N, C-alpha and C. Protein backbone atom coordinates (compact mmCIF):
# COMPACT_ATOMS: atom_id res chain seq x y z
N UNK A 1 25.11 -17.32 60.27
CA UNK A 1 25.80 -16.23 59.19
C UNK A 1 25.68 -15.23 59.54
N UNK A 2 26.94 -14.85 59.05
CA UNK A 2 27.15 -13.15 59.38
C UNK A 2 27.44 -12.39 58.28
N UNK A 3 26.53 -11.55 57.47
CA UNK A 3 26.77 -10.86 56.82
C UNK A 3 27.57 -9.51 57.02
N UNK A 4 28.29 -8.61 56.40
CA UNK A 4 28.55 -7.69 56.27
C UNK A 4 27.73 -6.19 55.86
N UNK A 5 27.71 -5.41 56.08
CA UNK A 5 26.85 -4.17 55.63
C UNK A 5 27.37 -4.45 53.47
N UNK A 6 28.11 -4.41 53.11
CA UNK A 6 28.36 -4.21 52.12
C UNK A 6 27.41 -5.82 51.45
N UNK A 7 27.75 -6.61 51.74
CA UNK A 7 26.67 -7.85 51.33
C UNK A 7 24.83 -7.60 51.54
N UNK A 8 24.61 -6.90 52.90
CA UNK A 8 23.26 -6.79 52.75
C UNK A 8 23.01 -5.65 51.64
N UNK A 9 23.83 -4.65 51.57
CA UNK A 9 24.04 -3.06 50.58
C UNK A 9 23.68 -4.18 48.61
N UNK A 10 24.47 -4.84 48.19
CA UNK A 10 24.54 -6.03 47.49
C UNK A 10 23.25 -6.55 47.17
N UNK A 11 22.27 -7.32 47.78
CA UNK A 11 21.73 -7.83 48.59
C UNK A 11 20.18 -7.22 48.35
N UNK A 12 20.51 -5.76 48.91
CA UNK A 12 19.30 -5.09 48.57
C UNK A 12 19.10 -4.27 47.37
N UNK A 13 20.54 -3.65 46.81
CA UNK A 13 20.65 -3.31 45.15
C UNK A 13 20.26 -4.44 44.42
N UNK A 14 19.92 -5.78 44.65
CA UNK A 14 19.97 -6.74 43.68
C UNK A 14 18.91 -7.17 43.89
N UNK A 15 17.75 -7.05 45.03
CA UNK A 15 16.46 -6.82 45.02
C UNK A 15 15.46 -5.89 44.35
N UNK A 16 16.15 -5.01 44.48
CA UNK A 16 15.46 -3.67 43.95
C UNK A 16 15.68 -3.32 42.70
N UNK A 17 16.91 -3.92 41.76
CA UNK A 17 17.08 -4.27 40.24
C UNK A 17 16.00 -5.49 40.02
N UNK A 18 15.52 -6.50 40.75
CA UNK A 18 14.41 -7.47 40.20
C UNK A 18 13.28 -7.05 40.21
N UNK A 19 13.24 -5.92 41.11
CA UNK A 19 11.49 -5.89 41.09
C UNK A 19 11.54 -4.97 40.05
N UNK A 20 12.33 -3.72 40.06
CA UNK A 20 12.17 -2.85 38.71
C UNK A 20 12.18 -3.36 37.73
N UNK A 21 12.70 -4.99 37.04
CA UNK A 21 12.72 -5.19 36.29
C UNK A 21 11.23 -5.91 35.92
N UNK A 22 10.97 -6.93 37.11
CA UNK A 22 9.50 -7.02 36.75
C UNK A 22 8.61 -6.01 36.77
N UNK A 23 8.75 -4.73 37.43
CA UNK A 23 7.83 -3.43 36.84
C UNK A 23 7.97 -3.35 35.24
N UNK A 24 9.42 -3.39 35.26
CA UNK A 24 9.74 -2.62 33.62
C UNK A 24 8.84 -3.52 32.26
N UNK A 25 8.94 -5.00 32.88
CA UNK A 25 8.38 -6.57 32.18
C UNK A 25 7.19 -5.83 31.78
N UNK A 26 6.38 -5.53 33.20
CA UNK A 26 5.10 -5.65 32.98
C UNK A 26 4.12 -4.54 32.07
N UNK A 27 5.78 -3.25 32.40
CA UNK A 27 5.39 -1.93 31.36
C UNK A 27 5.73 -2.24 29.77
N UNK A 28 6.43 -3.03 29.45
CA UNK A 28 6.69 -3.35 28.27
C UNK A 28 5.75 -3.83 27.40
N UNK A 29 5.17 -5.05 28.46
CA UNK A 29 3.68 -5.71 28.57
C UNK A 29 2.88 -5.41 27.82
N UNK A 30 2.39 -4.17 28.56
CA UNK A 30 1.34 -3.15 28.60
C UNK A 30 1.59 -2.82 27.19
N UNK A 31 3.09 -1.95 26.98
CA UNK A 31 2.75 -1.03 25.51
C UNK A 31 3.01 -2.27 24.36
N UNK A 32 3.25 -3.21 24.68
CA UNK A 32 3.27 -3.97 23.36
C UNK A 32 1.69 -4.62 23.02
N UNK A 33 0.80 -4.49 24.31
CA UNK A 33 -0.29 -4.92 23.68
C UNK A 33 -1.22 -3.40 23.52
N UNK A 34 -0.57 -2.46 23.76
CA UNK A 34 -1.27 -1.49 23.49
C UNK A 34 -0.82 -0.86 22.05
N UNK A 35 0.41 -0.99 21.29
CA UNK A 35 0.87 -0.98 19.87
C UNK A 35 0.09 -2.10 19.02
N UNK A 36 0.12 -3.35 19.60
CA UNK A 36 -0.84 -4.28 19.03
C UNK A 36 -2.58 -3.77 18.58
N UNK A 37 -2.78 -3.33 19.43
CA UNK A 37 -4.47 -2.61 19.58
C UNK A 37 -4.37 -1.69 18.64
N UNK A 38 -3.14 -0.49 18.42
CA UNK A 38 -3.55 0.32 17.34
C UNK A 38 -3.08 -0.38 16.17
N UNK A 39 -1.93 -1.07 16.12
CA UNK A 39 -1.56 -2.28 14.74
C UNK A 39 -3.01 -2.33 14.16
N UNK A 40 -3.75 -2.91 14.78
CA UNK A 40 -5.16 -3.71 14.58
C UNK A 40 -6.15 -2.58 14.17
N UNK A 41 -6.08 -1.46 14.76
CA UNK A 41 -7.04 -0.57 14.50
C UNK A 41 -6.15 0.07 12.82
N UNK A 42 -5.33 0.06 12.74
CA UNK A 42 -4.81 0.94 11.66
C UNK A 42 -5.07 -0.16 10.17
N UNK A 43 -4.79 -1.66 10.72
CA UNK A 43 -5.29 -3.18 9.28
C UNK A 43 -6.99 -2.64 9.09
N UNK A 44 -7.46 -2.12 10.31
CA UNK A 44 -9.20 -2.31 9.93
C UNK A 44 -9.28 -0.93 8.98
N UNK A 45 -8.38 0.24 9.55
CA UNK A 45 -8.22 1.89 8.35
C UNK A 45 -8.23 1.30 6.91
N UNK A 46 -7.24 0.44 7.01
CA UNK A 46 -6.27 0.55 5.89
C UNK A 46 -7.47 -0.40 5.02
N UNK A 47 -8.46 -1.49 5.63
CA UNK A 47 -9.02 -2.29 4.70
C UNK A 47 -10.17 -1.53 4.19
N UNK A 48 -10.73 -0.19 5.21
CA UNK A 48 -11.05 0.43 4.86
C UNK A 48 -10.70 1.63 4.20
N UNK A 49 -9.99 1.57 3.67
CA UNK A 49 -9.18 2.56 2.49
C UNK A 49 -9.15 1.83 1.40
N UNK A 50 -8.74 0.77 1.39
CA UNK A 50 -8.59 -0.31 0.35
C UNK A 50 -10.27 -0.71 -0.37
N UNK A 51 -11.31 -0.54 0.33
CA UNK A 51 -12.60 -0.84 -0.15
C UNK A 51 -12.95 0.32 -0.87
N UNK A 52 -12.68 1.85 0.26
CA UNK A 52 -13.23 2.86 -0.80
C UNK A 52 -12.22 2.98 -1.65
N UNK A 53 -11.07 2.78 -2.14
CA UNK A 53 -10.43 2.82 -3.43
C UNK A 53 -11.10 2.22 -4.32
N UNK A 54 -11.55 0.81 -4.21
CA UNK A 54 -11.78 -0.38 -5.16
C UNK A 54 -13.52 0.39 -5.53
N UNK A 55 -13.69 1.29 -4.70
CA UNK A 55 -15.32 1.80 -4.92
C UNK A 55 -15.49 3.06 -5.96
N UNK A 56 -14.12 3.69 -5.66
CA UNK A 56 -13.57 4.86 -6.94
C UNK A 56 -13.17 4.16 -7.73
N UNK A 57 -12.72 3.19 -8.00
CA UNK A 57 -12.15 2.56 -9.00
C UNK A 57 -13.47 2.27 -10.03
N UNK A 58 -14.14 1.57 -8.81
CA UNK A 58 -15.45 1.16 -10.10
C UNK A 58 -16.02 2.43 -10.89
N UNK A 59 -16.30 3.42 -9.82
CA UNK A 59 -16.57 4.71 -10.09
C UNK A 59 -16.45 5.20 -11.12
N UNK A 60 -15.01 5.54 -11.06
CA UNK A 60 -13.97 5.74 -12.63
C UNK A 60 -14.49 5.08 -13.65
N UNK A 61 -14.15 3.46 -13.98
CA UNK A 61 -14.55 2.88 -14.94
C UNK A 61 -15.93 2.87 -15.31
N UNK A 62 -17.12 3.37 -14.63
CA UNK A 62 -18.55 3.78 -14.89
C UNK A 62 -18.67 4.71 -15.50
N UNK A 63 -17.71 6.00 -14.85
CA UNK A 63 -17.89 7.29 -15.62
C UNK A 63 -17.07 7.29 -17.38
N UNK A 64 -16.25 6.10 -17.22
CA UNK A 64 -15.07 6.25 -18.20
C UNK A 64 -16.12 5.71 -19.19
N UNK A 65 -17.23 4.63 -19.05
CA UNK A 65 -17.47 3.88 -19.96
C UNK A 65 -19.04 5.15 -20.62
N UNK A 66 -19.46 6.09 -19.59
CA UNK A 66 -20.34 6.83 -19.74
C UNK A 66 -19.34 7.88 -20.79
N UNK A 67 -18.90 8.10 -20.40
CA UNK A 67 -17.63 9.29 -21.72
C UNK A 67 -17.82 8.68 -23.22
N UNK A 68 -17.81 7.33 -23.06
CA UNK A 68 -17.30 6.85 -24.51
C UNK A 68 -18.57 6.43 -24.89
N UNK A 69 -19.64 6.41 -24.02
CA UNK A 69 -20.84 6.24 -24.76
C UNK A 69 -21.14 7.59 -25.64
N UNK A 70 -21.08 8.99 -24.27
CA UNK A 70 -21.10 10.15 -25.32
C UNK A 70 -20.21 10.17 -26.33
N UNK A 71 -19.31 10.26 -26.49
CA UNK A 71 -18.53 10.34 -27.25
C UNK A 71 -18.84 9.75 -28.70
N UNK A 72 -19.02 8.52 -28.52
CA UNK A 72 -19.99 7.94 -29.51
C UNK A 72 -21.37 8.62 -30.32
N UNK A 73 -22.05 8.64 -29.11
CA UNK A 73 -23.46 9.47 -29.50
C UNK A 73 -22.91 10.86 -30.61
N UNK A 74 -21.88 11.52 -29.91
CA UNK A 74 -21.38 13.06 -30.48
C UNK A 74 -21.03 12.53 -31.92
N UNK A 75 -20.32 11.54 -32.00
CA UNK A 75 -19.68 11.24 -33.47
C UNK A 75 -20.70 11.11 -34.49
N UNK A 76 -21.81 10.29 -33.86
CA UNK A 76 -23.06 9.75 -34.48
C UNK A 76 -23.93 11.12 -34.91
N UNK A 77 -24.08 12.04 -33.93
CA UNK A 77 -24.86 13.40 -34.36
C UNK A 77 -24.25 13.53 -35.24
N UNK A 78 -22.81 14.19 -35.25
CA UNK A 78 -21.64 14.72 -35.73
C UNK A 78 -21.95 13.99 -37.63
N UNK A 79 -21.86 12.95 -37.51
CA UNK A 79 -22.18 12.24 -39.29
C UNK A 79 -23.62 12.65 -39.50
N UNK A 80 -24.35 12.42 -38.85
CA UNK A 80 -26.18 12.88 -38.94
C UNK A 80 -25.89 14.23 -39.67
N UNK A 81 -25.33 15.34 -39.16
CA UNK A 81 -25.70 16.30 -39.04
C UNK A 81 -24.62 16.75 -39.91
N UNK A 82 -23.64 16.33 -40.87
CA UNK A 82 -22.86 17.04 -41.62
C UNK A 82 -23.08 16.14 -43.19
N UNK A 83 -23.48 14.47 -43.14
CA UNK A 83 -24.10 14.30 -44.28
C UNK A 83 -25.64 13.24 -44.09
N UNK A 84 -26.45 14.11 -43.40
CA UNK A 84 -27.50 13.36 -43.18
C UNK A 84 -27.93 12.28 -43.38
N UNK A 85 -26.79 11.74 -42.56
CA UNK A 85 -27.20 10.08 -42.10
C UNK A 85 -28.05 9.15 -41.33
N UNK A 86 -29.16 9.17 -42.03
CA UNK A 86 -30.05 8.22 -41.59
C UNK A 86 -29.79 6.92 -40.70
N UNK A 87 -28.61 5.88 -41.06
CA UNK A 87 -28.01 5.33 -40.08
C UNK A 87 -27.61 5.71 -39.14
N UNK A 88 -26.72 6.73 -38.89
CA UNK A 88 -26.39 7.13 -37.49
C UNK A 88 -27.30 8.09 -36.73
N UNK A 89 -28.53 8.24 -37.28
CA UNK A 89 -29.68 9.04 -36.53
C UNK A 89 -30.11 7.59 -35.96
N UNK A 90 -30.50 6.45 -36.92
CA UNK A 90 -31.34 5.54 -36.23
C UNK A 90 -30.61 4.62 -34.78
N UNK A 91 -28.97 4.91 -35.25
CA UNK A 91 -28.20 4.08 -34.35
C UNK A 91 -28.06 5.33 -33.05
N UNK A 92 -28.31 6.89 -33.22
CA UNK A 92 -28.43 7.59 -32.17
C UNK A 92 -29.84 7.30 -31.16
N UNK A 93 -30.92 7.37 -32.21
CA UNK A 93 -31.98 6.86 -31.31
C UNK A 93 -32.30 5.55 -30.61
N UNK A 94 -31.62 4.22 -31.01
CA UNK A 94 -31.35 3.34 -30.54
C UNK A 94 -30.58 3.33 -29.40
N UNK A 95 -29.51 4.00 -29.03
CA UNK A 95 -28.48 4.29 -27.84
C UNK A 95 -29.54 4.80 -27.08
N UNK A 96 -30.55 5.97 -27.29
CA UNK A 96 -30.71 6.67 -26.36
C UNK A 96 -31.74 6.02 -25.70
N UNK A 97 -32.86 5.51 -26.57
CA UNK A 97 -34.04 4.96 -25.95
C UNK A 97 -33.96 3.22 -25.43
């Protein structure tokens, strides 16, 4: 079987293309794995952020509850000061103690 120079050249080019494709497929696979690892890290960080956000929400709710309690005490104290309301003073004492 006698092959011409052009046929050898075509075979060589095809071989080169096949080898290059194999190499590029390996590179793509490596990059995809790298991207997947980064995505997993991002997911973990997002979960951490969500946990922190939940803690912040809890703290905000606690602060709001304390502010409501303080405002209630202020109102009762104001009522006591303005009207010398003994019931208001007893309520203040029970809240504070």
